[in-house]
Amino acid sequence: MPRKFQSKGLKKQKKSYSGKKKTHTFKVQAMIHYKTQQILSLCTSRGAVHDFELFKRNLNQIPFGAFILADKGYQGIYVLYPNSLLPLKAKRHCKLDPELKIYNQEINKRRIGIEHVFGSLKTFKIFAERYRNRGKRLGLRFNLIAGIYNLELSKK
């Protein structure tokens, strides 16, 4: 008897609920130009969706011949998109060799500019704190803030 009562109200919530974090979550993936630091495109998702799965869903938005710098969450990206570079992960109970650590440092030196873009987007408190608005409008709000960021960047 209680199952009928619970399933009726929870159908909409299941889309954005992450069992790992025990809360409703949203994920935004941004494509940023390396040299100009402009935000090129955004992809949003609800709930527990892995970074790599979101990348696979939006593979067609990547410009032809673009070079991708990604973080360690995108292991296996080279199979789908050979024109990519990402840091190496250490195997379980093993440390990385010093040469591989230097390789990872060189990649991360190039990625730091992208992380600075995300940090500057957090000046908009809507991203730095808990998102308290409607979930349907997250993509719209993120696009608007990305447009404001790009406009401020072009004025400099």
C-alpha atoms as a PDB file:
ATOM      1  CA  MET A   1       0.000   0.000   0.000  1.00  0.00           C
ATOM      2  CA  PRO A   2       2.701   2.617   0.796  1.00  0.00           C
ATOM      3  CA  ARG A   3       4.433   1.957  -2.545  1.00  0.00           C
ATOM      4  CA  LYS A   4       1.589   3.466  -4.557  1.00  0.00           C
ATOM      5  CA  PHE A   5       1.693   6.594  -2.450  1.00  0.00           C
ATOM      6  CA  GLN A   6       5.487   6.994  -2.758  1.00  0.00           C
ATOM      7  CA  SER A   7       5.850   6.287  -6.481  1.00  0.00           C
ATOM      8  CA  LYS A   8       3.246   8.851  -7.466  1.00  0.00           C
ATOM      9  CA  GLY A   9       5.135  11.811  -6.007  1.00  0.00           C
ATOM     10  CA  LEU A  10       8.714  10.696  -6.685  1.00  0.00           C
ATOM     11  CA  LYS A  11       8.669  10.218 -10.472  1.00  0.00           C
ATOM     12  CA  LYS A  12       9.788  13.760 -11.251  1.00  0.00           C
ATOM     13  CA  GLN A  13      12.403  13.741  -8.518  1.00  0.00           C
ATOM     14  CA  LYS A  14      14.175  10.609  -9.745  1.00  0.00           C
ATOM     15  CA  LYS A  15      15.494  12.444 -12.807  1.00  0.00           C
ATOM     16  CA  SER A  16      17.797  14.692 -10.815  1.00  0.00           C
ATOM     17  CA  TYR A  17      18.427  12.608  -7.689  1.00  0.00           C
ATOM     18  CA  SER A  18      21.954  11.341  -7.138  1.00  0.00           C
ATOM     19  CA  GLY A  19      22.104   8.342  -4.835  1.00  0.00           C
ATOM     20  CA  LYS A  20      25.827   8.879  -4.307  1.00  0.00           C
ATOM     21  CA  LYS A  21      25.457  12.431  -3.012  1.00  0.00           C
ATOM     22  CA  LYS A  22      22.007  11.783  -1.463  1.00  0.00           C
ATOM     23  CA  THR A  23      20.659  14.979  -2.964  1.00  0.00           C
ATOM     24  CA  HIS A  24      19.299  16.427  -6.203  1.00  0.00           C
ATOM     25  CA  THR A  25      22.170  17.351  -8.481  1.00  0.00           C
ATOM     26  CA  PHE A  26      22.838  19.097 -11.769  1.00  0.00           C
ATOM     27  CA  LYS A  27      25.943  18.952 -13.909  1.00  0.00           C
ATOM     28  CA  VAL A  28      27.200  21.555 -16.369  1.00  0.00           C
ATOM     29  CA  GLN A  29      29.988  20.840 -18.818  1.00  0.00           C
ATOM     30  CA  ALA A  30      31.611  23.806 -20.568  1.00  0.00           C
ATOM     31  CA  MET A  31      33.728  24.022 -23.688  1.00  0.00           C
ATOM     32  CA  ILE A  32      36.222  26.882 -23.364  1.00  0.00           C
ATOM     33  CA  HIS A  33      38.561  28.299 -25.994  1.00  0.00           C
ATOM     34  CA  TYR A  34      42.140  27.827 -24.833  1.00  0.00           C
ATOM     35  CA  LYS A  35      43.622  31.168 -25.901  1.00  0.00           C
ATOM     36  CA  THR A  36      40.704  33.614 -25.677  1.00  0.00           C
ATOM     37  CA  GLN A  37      39.173  31.984 -22.552  1.00  0.00           C
ATOM     38  CA  GLN A  38      35.685  32.416 -24.052  1.00  0.00           C
ATOM     39  CA  ILE A  39      32.960  29.899 -23.261  1.00  0.00           C
ATOM     40  CA  LEU A  40      32.020  28.246 -26.552  1.00  0.00           C
ATOM     41  CA  SER A  41      29.205  25.918 -25.508  1.00  0.00           C
ATOM     42  CA  LEU A  42      27.521  24.432 -22.478  1.00  0.00           C
ATOM     43  CA  CYS A  43      25.922  21.055 -21.827  1.00  0.00           C
ATOM     44  CA  THR A  44      23.710  20.435 -18.821  1.00  0.00           C
ATOM     45  CA  SER A  45      22.418  17.267 -17.240  1.00  0.00           C
ATOM     46  CA  ARG A  46      20.323  16.267 -14.257  1.00  0.00           C
ATOM     47  CA  GLY A  47      21.186  13.695 -11.641  1.00  0.00           C
ATOM     48  CA  ALA A  48      23.983  11.194 -11.485  1.00  0.00           C
ATOM     49  CA  VAL A  49      25.529  11.426 -14.947  1.00  0.00           C
ATOM     50  CA  HIS A  50      29.248  10.806 -15.350  1.00  0.00           C
ATOM     51  CA  ASP A  51      31.389  13.465 -17.050  1.00  0.00           C
ATOM     52  CA  PHE A  52      32.378  11.074 -19.815  1.00  0.00           C
ATOM     53  CA  GLU A  53      28.747  10.084 -20.474  1.00  0.00           C
ATOM     54  CA  LEU A  54      27.808  13.743 -20.833  1.00  0.00           C
ATOM     55  CA  PHE A  55      30.728  14.165 -23.230  1.00  0.00           C
ATOM     56  CA  LYS A  56      29.515  11.241 -25.350  1.00  0.00           C
ATOM     57  CA  ARG A  57      26.011  12.708 -25.530  1.00  0.00           C
ATOM     58  CA  ASN A  58      27.323  16.040 -26.808  1.00  0.00           C
ATOM     59  CA  LEU A  59      30.141  14.844 -29.050  1.00  0.00           C
ATOM     60  CA  ASN A  60      28.571  16.508 -32.079  1.00  0.00           C
ATOM     61  CA  GLN A  61      29.015  20.003 -30.579  1.00  0.00           C
ATOM     62  CA  ILE A  62      32.795  19.838 -30.756  1.00  0.00           C
ATOM     63  CA  PRO A  63      34.181  21.776 -33.736  1.00  0.00           C
ATOM     64  CA  PHE A  64      35.971  19.674 -36.345  1.00  0.00           C
ATOM     65  CA  GLY A  65      39.701  19.390 -35.668  1.00  0.00           C
ATOM     66  CA  ALA A  66      39.496  20.890 -32.178  1.00  0.00           C
ATOM     67  CA  PHE A  67      42.040  19.808 -29.593  1.00  0.00           C
ATOM     68  CA  ILE A  68      40.665  18.778 -26.192  1.00  0.00           C
ATOM     69  CA  LEU A  69      42.358  19.195 -22.817  1.00  0.00           C
ATOM     70  CA  ALA A  70      40.416  17.233 -20.213  1.00  0.00           C
ATOM     71  CA  ASP A  71      40.819  16.146 -16.602  1.00  0.00           C
ATOM     72  CA  LYS A  72      41.197  12.626 -15.194  1.00  0.00           C
ATOM     73  CA  GLY A  73      37.439  12.030 -15.223  1.00  0.00           C
ATOM     74  CA  TYR A  74      37.545  11.477 -18.979  1.00  0.00           C
ATOM     75  CA  GLN A  75      39.630   8.296 -19.073  1.00  0.00           C
ATOM     76  CA  GLY A  76      39.008   6.568 -22.409  1.00  0.00           C
ATOM     77  CA  ILE A  77      38.314   9.763 -24.352  1.00  0.00           C
ATOM     78  CA  TYR A  78      41.122   8.956 -26.762  1.00  0.00           C
ATOM     79  CA  VAL A  79      39.089   6.088 -28.262  1.00  0.00           C
ATOM     80  CA  LEU A  80      36.201   8.413 -29.174  1.00  0.00           C
ATOM     81  CA  TYR A  81      38.188  11.545 -29.908  1.00  0.00           C
ATOM     82  CA  PRO A  82      41.858  10.929 -30.794  1.00  0.00           C
ATOM     83  CA  ASN A  83      42.717  14.643 -30.823  1.00  0.00           C
ATOM     84  CA  SER A  84      42.683  14.893 -27.021  1.00  0.00           C
ATOM     85  CA  LEU A  85      45.086  15.048 -24.127  1.00  0.00           C
ATOM     86  CA  LEU A  86      44.504  14.214 -20.470  1.00  0.00           C
ATOM     87  CA  PRO A  87      46.624  13.488 -17.392  1.00  0.00           C
ATOM     88  CA  LEU A  88      47.508   9.916 -16.503  1.00  0.00           C
ATOM     89  CA  LYS A  89      46.072   8.189 -13.452  1.00  0.00           C
ATOM     90  CA  ALA A  90      48.204   6.154 -11.101  1.00  0.00           C
ATOM     91  CA  LYS A  91      47.218   2.510 -10.739  1.00  0.00           C
ATOM     92  CA  ARG A  92      45.930   1.243  -7.442  1.00  0.00           C
ATOM     93  CA  HIS A  93      48.671   0.848  -4.808  1.00  0.00           C
ATOM     94  CA  CYS A  94      51.285   2.209  -7.238  1.00  0.00           C
ATOM     95  CA  LYS A  95      52.841   5.623  -7.601  1.00  0.00           C
ATOM     96  CA  LEU A  96      53.482   7.412 -10.879  1.00  0.00           C
ATOM     97  CA  ASP A  97      57.018   7.547 -12.214  1.00  0.00           C
ATOM     98  CA  PRO A  98      58.728  10.947 -11.987  1.00  0.00           C
ATOM     99  CA  GLU A  99      58.606  11.314 -15.800  1.00  0.00           C
ATOM    100  CA  LEU A 100      54.847  10.744 -15.811  1.00  0.00           C
ATOM    101  CA  LYS A 101      54.400  13.255 -12.986  1.00  0.00           C
ATOM    102  CA  ILE A 102      56.234  15.846 -15.087  1.00  0.00           C
ATOM    103  CA  TYR A 103      53.963  14.943 -18.030  1.00  0.00           C
ATOM    104  CA  ASN A 104      50.872  15.497 -15.851  1.00  0.00           C
ATOM    105  CA  GLN A 105      52.272  18.806 -14.582  1.00  0.00           C
ATOM    106  CA  GLU A 106      52.762  20.052 -18.155  1.00  0.00           C
ATOM    107  CA  ILE A 107      49.172  19.196 -19.048  1.00  0.00           C
ATOM    108  CA  ASN A 108      47.857  20.824 -15.870  1.00  0.00           C
ATOM    109  CA  LYS A 109      49.846  23.999 -16.576  1.00  0.00           C
ATOM    110  CA  ARG A 110      47.849  24.327 -19.775  1.00  0.00           C
ATOM    111  CA  ARG A 111      44.528  23.502 -18.069  1.00  0.00           C
ATOM    112  CA  ILE A 112      44.886  26.052 -15.273  1.00  0.00           C
ATOM    113  CA  GLY A 113      43.508  28.847 -17.455  1.00  0.00           C
ATOM    114  CA  ILE A 114      40.327  26.852 -17.922  1.00  0.00           C
ATOM    115  CA  GLU A 115      40.003  26.363 -14.171  1.00  0.00           C
ATOM    116  CA  HIS A 116      40.393  30.133 -13.727  1.00  0.00           C
ATOM    117  CA  VAL A 117      37.365  30.616 -15.986  1.00  0.00           C
ATOM    118  CA  PHE A 118      35.278  28.415 -13.690  1.00  0.00           C
ATOM    119  CA  GLY A 119      36.565  30.346 -10.689  1.00  0.00           C
ATOM    120  CA  SER A 120      35.557  33.653 -12.237  1.00  0.00           C
ATOM    121  CA  LEU A 121      32.109  32.246 -13.030  1.00  0.00           C
ATOM    122  CA  LYS A 122      31.688  31.587  -9.328  1.00  0.00           C
ATOM    123  CA  THR A 123      31.653  35.341  -8.735  1.00  0.00           C
ATOM    124  CA  PHE A 124      28.036  34.863  -9.730  1.00  0.00           C
ATOM    125  CA  LYS A 125      26.871  33.439  -6.412  1.00  0.00           C
ATOM    126  CA  ILE A 126      24.244  31.295  -8.112  1.00  0.00           C
ATOM    127  CA  PHE A 127      27.045  28.864  -9.028  1.00  0.00           C
ATOM    128  CA  ALA A 128      29.174  29.170  -5.926  1.00  0.00           C
ATOM    129  CA  GLU A 129      26.388  28.206  -3.553  1.00  0.00           C
ATOM    130  CA  ARG A 130      23.405  25.882  -3.526  1.00  0.00           C
ATOM    131  CA  TYR A 131      21.183  26.351  -6.589  1.00  0.00           C
ATOM    132  CA  ARG A 132      17.741  27.197  -5.194  1.00  0.00           C
ATOM    133  CA  ASN A 133      15.788  27.943  -8.357  1.00  0.00           C
ATOM    134  CA  ARG A 134      13.856  25.723 -10.751  1.00  0.00           C
ATOM    135  CA  GLY A 135      15.907  22.924 -12.207  1.00  0.00           C
ATOM    136  CA  LYS A 136      14.417  23.383 -15.672  1.00  0.00           C
ATOM    137  CA  ARG A 137      15.951  26.849 -15.930  1.00  0.00           C
ATOM    138  CA  LEU A 138      19.508  25.965 -14.915  1.00  0.00           C
ATOM    139  CA  GLY A 139      20.684  25.673 -18.525  1.00  0.00           C
ATOM    140  CA  LEU A 140      19.113  28.988 -19.446  1.00  0.00           C
ATOM    141  CA  ARG A 141      20.651  30.773 -16.470  1.00  0.00           C
ATOM    142  CA  PHE A 142      24.056  29.261 -17.112  1.00  0.00           C
ATOM    143  CA  ASN A 143      23.886  30.347 -20.776  1.00  0.00           C
ATOM    144  CA  LEU A 144      22.958  33.889 -19.731  1.00  0.00           C
ATOM    145  CA  ILE A 145      25.821  34.110 -17.245  1.00  0.00           C
ATOM    146  CA  ALA A 146      28.235  32.641 -19.804  1.00  0.00           C
ATOM    147  CA  GLY A 147      27.100  35.350 -22.234  1.00  0.00           C
ATOM    148  CA  ILE A 148      27.724  38.038 -19.606  1.00  0.00           C
ATOM    149  CA  TYR A 149      31.161  36.546 -18.922  1.00  0.00           C
ATOM    150  CA  ASN A 150      32.023  36.520 -22.640  1.00  0.00           C
ATOM    151  CA  LEU A 151      30.823  40.130 -22.983  1.00  0.00           C
ATOM    152  CA  GLU A 152      32.990  41.260 -20.045  1.00  0.00           C
ATOM    153  CA  LEU A 153      35.927  39.374 -21.538  1.00  0.00           C
ATOM    154  CA  SER A 154      35.548  41.126 -24.897  1.00  0.00           C
ATOM    155  CA  LYS A 155      35.547  44.568 -23.206  1.00  0.00           C
ATOM    156  CA  LYS A 156      38.978  43.979 -21.617  1.00  0.00           C
END
